[in-house]
N, C-alpha and C. Protein backbone atom coordinates (compact mmCIF):
# COMPACT_ATOMS: atom_id res chain seq x y z
N MET A 1 0.85 -1.18 0.00
CA MET A 1 0.00 0.00 0.00
C MET A 1 0.89 1.24 0.00
N GLN A 2 0.73 2.05 -1.01
CA GLN A 2 1.61 3.20 -1.25
C GLN A 2 1.67 4.16 -0.06
N SER A 3 0.53 4.51 0.53
CA SER A 3 0.50 5.50 1.59
C SER A 3 1.13 5.01 2.90
N LEU A 4 1.32 3.72 3.04
CA LEU A 4 1.94 3.18 4.25
C LEU A 4 3.39 2.78 4.02
N GLN A 5 3.99 3.29 2.97
CA GLN A 5 5.40 3.03 2.70
C GLN A 5 6.26 3.94 3.57
N GLY A 6 7.48 3.52 3.80
CA GLY A 6 8.41 4.32 4.58
C GLY A 6 8.16 4.20 6.08
N LYS A 7 8.80 5.10 6.82
CA LYS A 7 8.69 5.10 8.27
C LYS A 7 7.34 5.67 8.70
N LEU A 8 6.81 5.10 9.79
CA LEU A 8 5.53 5.54 10.32
C LEU A 8 5.65 5.87 11.79
N SER A 9 5.15 7.02 12.18
CA SER A 9 5.05 7.41 13.58
C SER A 9 3.61 7.20 13.99
N ILE A 10 3.35 6.22 14.85
CA ILE A 10 1.97 5.86 15.14
C ILE A 10 1.45 6.50 16.43
N ASP A 11 0.17 6.78 16.40
CA ASP A 11 -0.55 7.28 17.56
C ASP A 11 -0.98 6.09 18.42
N SER A 12 -1.24 6.36 19.68
CA SER A 12 -1.70 5.30 20.58
C SER A 12 -3.00 4.67 20.09
N SER A 13 -3.83 5.44 19.37
CA SER A 13 -5.09 4.89 18.86
C SER A 13 -4.87 3.70 17.94
N VAL A 14 -3.77 3.69 17.21
CA VAL A 14 -3.45 2.58 16.32
C VAL A 14 -3.15 1.33 17.13
N LEU A 15 -2.32 1.48 18.15
CA LEU A 15 -1.96 0.33 18.99
C LEU A 15 -3.14 -0.14 19.82
N ILE A 16 -3.95 0.77 20.32
CA ILE A 16 -5.14 0.39 21.09
C ILE A 16 -6.09 -0.42 20.21
N ALA A 17 -6.34 0.06 19.00
CA ALA A 17 -7.22 -0.66 18.07
C ALA A 17 -6.67 -2.05 17.78
N TYR A 18 -5.37 -2.15 17.62
CA TYR A 18 -4.71 -3.44 17.35
C TYR A 18 -4.91 -4.39 18.53
N LEU A 19 -4.62 -3.90 19.73
CA LEU A 19 -4.69 -4.76 20.91
C LEU A 19 -6.11 -5.14 21.30
N LEU A 20 -7.08 -4.32 20.89
CA LEU A 20 -8.48 -4.63 21.19
C LEU A 20 -9.18 -5.36 20.05
N GLY A 21 -8.46 -5.60 18.95
CA GLY A 21 -9.03 -6.35 17.84
C GLY A 21 -10.06 -5.60 17.02
N GLU A 22 -9.96 -4.28 17.00
CA GLU A 22 -10.90 -3.47 16.21
C GLU A 22 -10.54 -3.55 14.72
N ASP A 23 -11.45 -3.10 13.86
CA ASP A 23 -11.22 -3.15 12.41
C ASP A 23 -9.94 -2.42 12.01
N THR A 24 -9.73 -1.22 12.53
CA THR A 24 -8.51 -0.50 12.17
C THR A 24 -7.28 -1.20 12.75
N GLY A 25 -7.46 -1.90 13.85
CA GLY A 25 -6.37 -2.67 14.45
C GLY A 25 -5.99 -3.87 13.60
N GLU A 26 -6.97 -4.50 13.01
CA GLU A 26 -6.69 -5.62 12.11
C GLU A 26 -5.95 -5.12 10.88
N PHE A 27 -6.35 -3.98 10.38
CA PHE A 27 -5.66 -3.37 9.25
C PHE A 27 -4.21 -3.06 9.63
N ALA A 28 -4.01 -2.52 10.84
CA ALA A 28 -2.66 -2.23 11.33
C ALA A 28 -1.83 -3.51 11.43
N ARG A 29 -2.45 -4.60 11.88
CA ARG A 29 -1.74 -5.88 12.01
C ARG A 29 -1.19 -6.33 10.66
N THR A 30 -1.99 -6.21 9.63
CA THR A 30 -1.58 -6.72 8.32
C THR A 30 -0.75 -5.74 7.50
N HIS A 31 -0.82 -4.45 7.82
CA HIS A 31 -0.13 -3.45 7.01
C HIS A 31 0.95 -2.65 7.74
N ILE A 32 0.94 -2.67 9.06
CA ILE A 32 1.91 -1.87 9.82
C ILE A 32 2.79 -2.74 10.71
N PHE A 33 2.19 -3.55 11.56
CA PHE A 33 2.96 -4.34 12.52
C PHE A 33 3.48 -5.62 11.88
N GLN A 34 4.46 -5.43 11.04
CA GLN A 34 5.08 -6.53 10.30
C GLN A 34 6.60 -6.48 10.50
N PRO A 35 7.24 -7.62 10.56
CA PRO A 35 8.70 -7.62 10.69
C PRO A 35 9.35 -6.81 9.56
N GLY A 36 10.33 -6.03 9.93
CA GLY A 36 11.05 -5.23 8.95
C GLY A 36 10.46 -3.86 8.68
N LYS A 37 9.23 -3.62 9.11
CA LYS A 37 8.59 -2.32 8.92
C LYS A 37 9.12 -1.35 9.97
N VAL A 38 9.44 -0.11 9.58
CA VAL A 38 9.95 0.88 10.52
C VAL A 38 8.76 1.63 11.12
N VAL A 39 8.46 1.30 12.39
CA VAL A 39 7.33 1.88 13.10
C VAL A 39 7.88 2.56 14.36
N LEU A 40 7.59 3.84 14.48
CA LEU A 40 8.09 4.64 15.60
C LEU A 40 6.96 4.93 16.58
N PHE A 41 7.29 4.90 17.86
CA PHE A 41 6.30 5.15 18.89
C PHE A 41 6.98 5.90 20.02
N ASN A 42 6.23 6.70 20.74
CA ASN A 42 6.83 7.48 21.84
C ASN A 42 6.33 6.96 23.19
N ARG A 43 7.06 7.28 24.23
CA ARG A 43 6.76 6.75 25.57
C ARG A 43 5.46 7.32 26.14
N LEU A 44 5.12 8.56 25.82
CA LEU A 44 3.85 9.11 26.27
C LEU A 44 2.70 8.29 25.67
N GLY A 45 2.83 7.90 24.42
CA GLY A 45 1.82 7.06 23.78
C GLY A 45 1.70 5.71 24.45
N LEU A 46 2.82 5.16 24.88
CA LEU A 46 2.80 3.87 25.57
C LEU A 46 2.00 3.97 26.87
N ALA A 47 2.21 5.05 27.61
CA ALA A 47 1.44 5.27 28.84
C ALA A 47 -0.05 5.42 28.52
N GLU A 48 -0.35 6.12 27.44
CA GLU A 48 -1.75 6.30 27.02
C GLU A 48 -2.39 4.96 26.66
N VAL A 49 -1.67 4.11 25.97
CA VAL A 49 -2.17 2.78 25.63
C VAL A 49 -2.47 2.00 26.90
N PHE A 50 -1.51 2.01 27.83
CA PHE A 50 -1.67 1.23 29.06
C PHE A 50 -2.90 1.68 29.84
N TYR A 51 -3.03 2.98 30.10
CA TYR A 51 -4.16 3.40 30.93
C TYR A 51 -5.50 3.22 30.22
N THR A 52 -5.52 3.33 28.90
CA THR A 52 -6.76 3.10 28.17
C THR A 52 -7.18 1.64 28.25
N LEU A 53 -6.22 0.74 28.03
CA LEU A 53 -6.52 -0.69 28.15
C LEU A 53 -6.92 -1.06 29.57
N CYS A 54 -6.25 -0.46 30.54
CA CYS A 54 -6.55 -0.73 31.94
C CYS A 54 -7.99 -0.33 32.27
N ARG A 55 -8.41 0.84 31.80
CA ARG A 55 -9.77 1.29 32.06
C ARG A 55 -10.81 0.43 31.36
N ARG A 56 -10.49 -0.06 30.18
CA ARG A 56 -11.46 -0.84 29.39
C ARG A 56 -11.50 -2.31 29.78
N LYS A 57 -10.31 -2.88 30.06
CA LYS A 57 -10.25 -4.34 30.25
C LYS A 57 -9.59 -4.77 31.55
N GLY A 58 -9.09 -3.85 32.34
CA GLY A 58 -8.46 -4.19 33.60
C GLY A 58 -6.94 -4.15 33.52
N ILE A 59 -6.33 -4.06 34.69
CA ILE A 59 -4.88 -3.87 34.77
C ILE A 59 -4.11 -5.09 34.27
N ASN A 60 -4.60 -6.29 34.51
CA ASN A 60 -3.88 -7.48 34.04
C ASN A 60 -3.85 -7.54 32.53
N PHE A 61 -5.00 -7.25 31.89
CA PHE A 61 -5.04 -7.23 30.43
C PHE A 61 -4.06 -6.19 29.90
N ALA A 62 -4.06 -5.02 30.51
CA ALA A 62 -3.16 -3.94 30.07
C ALA A 62 -1.70 -4.35 30.20
N LYS A 63 -1.32 -4.90 31.34
CA LYS A 63 0.07 -5.33 31.55
C LYS A 63 0.48 -6.40 30.55
N GLU A 64 -0.34 -7.41 30.39
CA GLU A 64 -0.01 -8.51 29.47
C GLU A 64 0.07 -8.02 28.03
N SER A 65 -0.88 -7.21 27.62
CA SER A 65 -0.93 -6.74 26.24
C SER A 65 0.26 -5.84 25.91
N VAL A 66 0.54 -4.90 26.78
CA VAL A 66 1.64 -3.96 26.53
C VAL A 66 2.98 -4.67 26.60
N THR A 67 3.16 -5.53 27.59
CA THR A 67 4.42 -6.27 27.71
C THR A 67 4.66 -7.15 26.49
N THR A 68 3.65 -7.86 26.06
CA THR A 68 3.77 -8.72 24.88
C THR A 68 4.10 -7.89 23.65
N PHE A 69 3.41 -6.77 23.49
CA PHE A 69 3.67 -5.94 22.32
C PHE A 69 5.11 -5.41 22.33
N ILE A 70 5.59 -4.95 23.46
CA ILE A 70 6.97 -4.46 23.55
C ILE A 70 7.94 -5.56 23.13
N GLN A 71 7.68 -6.79 23.56
CA GLN A 71 8.56 -7.91 23.24
C GLN A 71 8.57 -8.26 21.76
N THR A 72 7.53 -7.90 21.02
CA THR A 72 7.50 -8.19 19.58
C THR A 72 8.53 -7.37 18.82
N ARG A 73 8.90 -6.24 19.37
CA ARG A 73 9.85 -5.31 18.75
C ARG A 73 9.36 -4.81 17.39
N TYR A 74 8.05 -4.70 17.24
CA TYR A 74 7.48 -4.14 16.01
C TYR A 74 7.61 -2.62 15.97
N CYS A 75 7.93 -2.02 17.11
CA CYS A 75 8.09 -0.56 17.18
C CYS A 75 9.47 -0.22 17.75
N THR A 76 9.96 0.92 17.33
CA THR A 76 11.12 1.53 17.96
C THR A 76 10.57 2.61 18.88
N PHE A 77 10.88 2.52 20.15
CA PHE A 77 10.39 3.51 21.12
C PHE A 77 11.37 4.67 21.18
N GLU A 78 10.84 5.87 21.01
CA GLU A 78 11.66 7.08 20.96
C GLU A 78 11.33 7.98 22.14
N ASP A 79 12.35 8.62 22.67
CA ASP A 79 12.20 9.60 23.73
C ASP A 79 13.46 10.45 23.74
N SER A 80 13.30 11.75 23.63
CA SER A 80 14.47 12.63 23.64
C SER A 80 14.04 14.04 24.00
N ASP A 81 15.01 14.86 24.36
CA ASP A 81 14.74 16.27 24.63
C ASP A 81 14.21 16.96 23.38
N ASP A 82 14.80 16.64 22.22
CA ASP A 82 14.34 17.24 20.96
C ASP A 82 12.88 16.91 20.70
N LEU A 83 12.49 15.68 20.98
CA LEU A 83 11.11 15.27 20.77
C LEU A 83 10.18 16.05 21.70
N ALA A 84 10.55 16.18 22.95
CA ALA A 84 9.72 16.92 23.91
C ALA A 84 9.56 18.38 23.49
N ILE A 85 10.64 18.99 23.05
CA ILE A 85 10.59 20.40 22.65
C ILE A 85 9.76 20.58 21.38
N GLU A 86 9.95 19.70 20.42
CA GLU A 86 9.18 19.80 19.17
C GLU A 86 7.69 19.57 19.43
N ALA A 87 7.36 18.60 20.28
CA ALA A 87 5.96 18.35 20.64
C ALA A 87 5.37 19.56 21.34
N ALA A 88 6.13 20.16 22.24
CA ALA A 88 5.65 21.35 22.95
C ALA A 88 5.42 22.52 22.00
N ALA A 89 6.26 22.64 20.99
CA ALA A 89 6.10 23.70 20.01
C ALA A 89 4.79 23.51 19.23
N TYR A 90 4.49 22.28 18.85
CA TYR A 90 3.20 22.02 18.18
C TYR A 90 2.04 22.35 19.12
N LYS A 91 2.16 21.94 20.38
CA LYS A 91 1.09 22.19 21.36
C LYS A 91 0.86 23.68 21.55
N CYS A 92 1.92 24.45 21.50
CA CYS A 92 1.83 25.90 21.65
C CYS A 92 1.00 26.51 20.52
N GLU A 93 1.14 25.96 19.33
CA GLU A 93 0.50 26.53 18.14
C GLU A 93 -0.81 25.86 17.75
N ARG A 94 -1.07 24.66 18.24
CA ARG A 94 -2.20 23.87 17.74
C ARG A 94 -3.13 23.43 18.85
N ALA A 95 -4.41 23.31 18.51
CA ALA A 95 -5.44 22.88 19.46
C ALA A 95 -5.68 21.38 19.33
N VAL A 96 -4.61 20.60 19.54
CA VAL A 96 -4.72 19.14 19.57
C VAL A 96 -4.05 18.66 20.85
N SER A 97 -4.30 17.41 21.21
CA SER A 97 -3.76 16.88 22.46
C SER A 97 -2.23 16.83 22.43
N LEU A 98 -1.64 16.84 23.61
CA LEU A 98 -0.19 16.73 23.72
C LEU A 98 0.28 15.40 23.14
N ALA A 99 -0.48 14.35 23.37
CA ALA A 99 -0.10 13.03 22.81
C ALA A 99 -0.06 13.08 21.29
N ASP A 100 -1.04 13.73 20.67
CA ASP A 100 -1.04 13.88 19.21
C ASP A 100 0.15 14.70 18.75
N CYS A 101 0.49 15.72 19.52
CA CYS A 101 1.66 16.55 19.19
C CYS A 101 2.94 15.72 19.21
N TYR A 102 3.04 14.77 20.12
CA TYR A 102 4.22 13.89 20.17
C TYR A 102 4.31 13.03 18.92
N VAL A 103 3.19 12.51 18.45
CA VAL A 103 3.18 11.68 17.23
C VAL A 103 3.65 12.51 16.04
N ILE A 104 3.13 13.71 15.92
CA ILE A 104 3.47 14.59 14.80
C ILE A 104 4.93 15.05 14.91
N ALA A 105 5.36 15.38 16.10
CA ALA A 105 6.76 15.80 16.30
C ALA A 105 7.72 14.68 15.96
N LEU A 106 7.40 13.46 16.36
CA LEU A 106 8.25 12.32 16.04
C LEU A 106 8.31 12.11 14.53
N ALA A 107 7.17 12.26 13.87
CA ALA A 107 7.15 12.15 12.40
C ALA A 107 8.06 13.21 11.77
N LYS A 108 8.01 14.41 12.29
CA LYS A 108 8.84 15.49 11.75
C LYS A 108 10.33 15.20 11.96
N LEU A 109 10.69 14.81 13.17
CA LEU A 109 12.10 14.58 13.49
C LEU A 109 12.69 13.39 12.76
N ARG A 110 11.87 12.39 12.44
CA ARG A 110 12.38 11.17 11.81
C ARG A 110 11.99 11.05 10.33
N GLY A 111 11.39 12.09 9.78
CA GLY A 111 11.03 12.06 8.36
C GLY A 111 10.03 10.96 8.04
N SER A 112 9.01 10.83 8.88
CA SER A 112 8.04 9.76 8.71
C SER A 112 6.63 10.33 8.54
N THR A 113 5.68 9.44 8.39
CA THR A 113 4.26 9.81 8.30
C THR A 113 3.62 9.59 9.67
N ALA A 114 2.81 10.55 10.13
CA ALA A 114 2.05 10.41 11.37
C ALA A 114 0.78 9.62 11.06
N VAL A 115 0.55 8.54 11.82
CA VAL A 115 -0.58 7.66 11.55
C VAL A 115 -1.50 7.60 12.77
N PHE A 116 -2.78 7.86 12.52
CA PHE A 116 -3.82 7.81 13.55
C PHE A 116 -4.87 6.79 13.11
N ALA A 117 -5.52 6.14 14.04
CA ALA A 117 -6.53 5.14 13.69
C ALA A 117 -7.75 5.79 13.04
N ARG A 118 -8.20 6.90 13.61
CA ARG A 118 -9.40 7.56 13.09
C ARG A 118 -9.28 9.07 13.19
N ARG A 119 -10.12 9.71 12.42
CA ARG A 119 -10.17 11.17 12.43
C ARG A 119 -10.83 11.64 13.73
N GLU A 120 -10.15 12.52 14.42
CA GLU A 120 -10.73 13.13 15.61
C GLU A 120 -11.06 14.58 15.28
N ARG A 121 -12.11 15.07 15.88
CA ARG A 121 -12.62 16.41 15.57
C ARG A 121 -11.56 17.50 15.65
N GLU A 122 -10.77 17.48 16.72
CA GLU A 122 -9.76 18.53 16.90
C GLU A 122 -8.69 18.48 15.81
N MET A 123 -8.28 17.27 15.46
CA MET A 123 -7.25 17.11 14.43
C MET A 123 -7.76 17.58 13.07
N VAL A 124 -8.97 17.18 12.74
CA VAL A 124 -9.56 17.59 11.46
C VAL A 124 -9.68 19.11 11.40
N ALA A 125 -10.10 19.71 12.50
CA ALA A 125 -10.23 21.18 12.54
C ALA A 125 -8.88 21.85 12.34
N GLU A 126 -7.85 21.32 12.97
CA GLU A 126 -6.51 21.91 12.83
C GLU A 126 -5.96 21.74 11.42
N ILE A 127 -6.19 20.60 10.82
CA ILE A 127 -5.74 20.37 9.44
C ILE A 127 -6.46 21.34 8.51
N GLY A 128 -7.75 21.57 8.77
CA GLY A 128 -8.52 22.51 7.96
C GLY A 128 -8.06 23.95 8.15
N ARG A 129 -7.64 24.27 9.36
CA ARG A 129 -7.17 25.63 9.66
C ARG A 129 -5.82 25.89 9.00
N LYS A 130 -4.93 24.93 9.13
CA LYS A 130 -3.58 25.06 8.57
C LYS A 130 -2.96 23.67 8.50
N LYS A 131 -2.55 23.27 7.33
CA LYS A 131 -1.95 21.94 7.16
C LYS A 131 -0.71 21.80 8.04
N PHE A 132 -0.47 20.58 8.51
CA PHE A 132 0.74 20.28 9.27
C PHE A 132 1.90 20.14 8.30
N ASP A 133 3.10 20.24 8.82
CA ASP A 133 4.31 20.15 8.00
C ASP A 133 4.84 18.73 7.86
N VAL A 134 4.01 17.75 8.18
CA VAL A 134 4.33 16.33 7.99
C VAL A 134 3.11 15.65 7.39
N PRO A 135 3.31 14.55 6.67
CA PRO A 135 2.15 13.80 6.17
C PRO A 135 1.39 13.17 7.32
N ILE A 136 0.07 13.24 7.27
CA ILE A 136 -0.79 12.64 8.28
C ILE A 136 -1.76 11.70 7.59
N LEU A 137 -1.91 10.52 8.18
CA LEU A 137 -2.74 9.48 7.59
C LEU A 137 -3.70 8.94 8.66
N PHE A 138 -4.93 8.64 8.24
CA PHE A 138 -5.92 8.05 9.13
C PHE A 138 -6.27 6.67 8.59
N LEU A 139 -6.09 5.64 9.41
CA LEU A 139 -6.35 4.27 8.96
C LEU A 139 -7.80 4.08 8.53
N GLU A 140 -8.74 4.74 9.18
CA GLU A 140 -10.13 4.56 8.81
C GLU A 140 -10.40 4.97 7.36
N ASP A 141 -9.55 5.81 6.79
CA ASP A 141 -9.68 6.21 5.39
C ASP A 141 -9.20 5.12 4.43
N LEU A 142 -8.46 4.15 4.94
CA LEU A 142 -7.86 3.12 4.10
C LEU A 142 -8.61 1.80 4.10
N ILE A 143 -9.54 1.66 5.05
CA ILE A 143 -10.26 0.38 5.13
C ILE A 143 -11.67 0.50 4.59
């Protein structure tokens, strides 16, 4: 699939959908979480995945799911001062969540595409107001 070529910076929504077996998660399994694919993820997103799974399915499910996923090594986990500063700069200028800013900042720093499971109102509004300086993709548009 042409739009999923190259490096991808994924949002927690992609991993949550994957771990919960949602339609966009199945698409991610077959098109993103594959050996050899360069998938970037940030530590704030990992925390977001854990607490979301914990609230939906309980702490044991969250621990097992996140631990197993980390062990697959399908993602490279990124964390740096540059990432924090770039994410904060996006947050300063944009009305989107800090977690979304981290995904976009990571995409910018690593020359990748920012990937979200679905269109969220705030993100769509910001894209309409002013395009981001990185490619942004929504899995729901591809399935």
